[in-house]
Protein backbone atom coordinates (compact mmCIF):
# COMPACT_ATOMS: atom_id res chain seq x y z
CA MET A 1 -31.59 -12.30 22.74
CA PRO A 2 -30.57 -10.62 26.04
CA PHE A 3 -27.62 -7.94 25.38
CA HIS A 4 -26.57 -6.07 29.01
CA ILE A 5 -24.06 -3.48 28.48
CA LYS A 6 -21.75 -3.74 31.90
CA ASN A 7 -19.46 -0.53 31.52
CA PRO A 8 -21.34 2.01 33.38
CA GLU A 9 -19.77 4.84 30.83
CA THR A 10 -21.16 2.36 27.26
CA ASP A 11 -24.62 2.49 29.11
CA ALA A 12 -24.67 5.91 29.76
CA LEU A 13 -23.80 6.53 26.24
CA ALA A 14 -26.60 4.45 25.12
CA ARG A 15 -28.91 6.34 27.15
CA LYS A 16 -27.99 9.39 25.29
CA VAL A 17 -28.07 7.88 21.91
CA ALA A 18 -31.55 6.91 23.08
CA GLN A 19 -32.72 9.88 24.74
CA ILE A 20 -31.48 12.04 21.80
CA LYS A 21 -32.98 10.16 18.86
CA LYS A 22 -35.98 9.47 20.83
CA ILE A 23 -35.40 5.97 20.25
CA GLY A 24 -35.25 2.09 22.35
CA LEU A 25 -31.52 1.56 24.14
CA THR A 26 -30.95 -1.54 21.62
CA GLU A 27 -32.30 0.39 18.91
CA ALA A 28 -29.69 2.83 19.95
CA VAL A 29 -27.13 -0.20 19.93
CA HIS A 30 -28.20 -1.32 16.53
CA LEU A 31 -27.74 2.31 14.98
CA ALA A 32 -24.25 2.87 16.46
CA LEU A 33 -22.70 -0.06 15.73
CA GLU A 34 -24.16 0.09 12.15
CA HIS A 35 -22.95 3.44 11.69
CA GLU A 36 -19.47 2.38 13.27
CA LEU A 37 -19.32 -0.60 11.17
CA GLU A 38 -20.01 1.77 7.44
CA ARG A 39 -17.14 3.91 9.17
CA GLU A 40 -14.77 1.29 8.53
CA ARG A 41 -15.34 -0.18 5.73
CA ALA A 42 -15.16 3.29 3.83
CA LYS A 43 -11.66 3.93 5.57
CA PRO A 44 -8.98 2.82 2.93
CA SER A 45 -7.37 -1.01 2.97
CA LEU A 46 -3.42 -0.29 4.12
CA ALA A 47 -2.46 -0.91 0.88
CA ASP A 48 -4.47 1.58 -1.10
CA VAL A 49 -3.24 4.28 1.27
CA ALA A 50 0.43 2.78 0.41
CA ALA A 51 -0.33 2.81 -3.11
CA GLU A 52 -1.17 6.34 -2.63
CA PHE A 53 2.31 7.43 -0.97
CA CYS A 54 3.95 5.97 -3.48
CA ARG A 55 2.14 7.21 -6.35
CA GLU A 56 2.40 10.77 -4.40
CA LEU A 57 6.37 10.74 -3.82
CA LYS A 58 7.40 9.59 -7.09
CA ASN A 59 5.16 12.63 -8.91
CA ARG A 60 7.35 14.84 -6.57
CA SER A 61 10.36 13.56 -7.26
CA SER A 62 9.29 13.56 -11.28
CA ALA A 63 8.83 17.05 -10.89
CA GLY A 64 11.44 18.38 -9.18
CA SER A 65 14.06 16.48 -11.06
CA GLY A 66 14.48 19.63 -13.56
CA ARG A 67 15.47 21.90 -10.60
CA ALA A 68 18.87 22.94 -10.80
CA GLY A 69 21.50 21.40 -8.36
CA HIS A 70 18.93 19.07 -7.20
CA LEU A 71 20.19 15.07 -6.46
């Protein structure tokens, strides 16, 4: 199955990875895409980020409620 990289900068990046790792272009692109997918999957979801933000906000609010003059 042919795959052509039409962007010169992308082609150069793929060739650099292939050269550094001493692998073929197809394997270099495959490896880069696998790593990018792993990186994306490791990111917390927006719902997780929002839930953590709410927890931190609640904790800060609870910790500060005992201060004199705090509204």
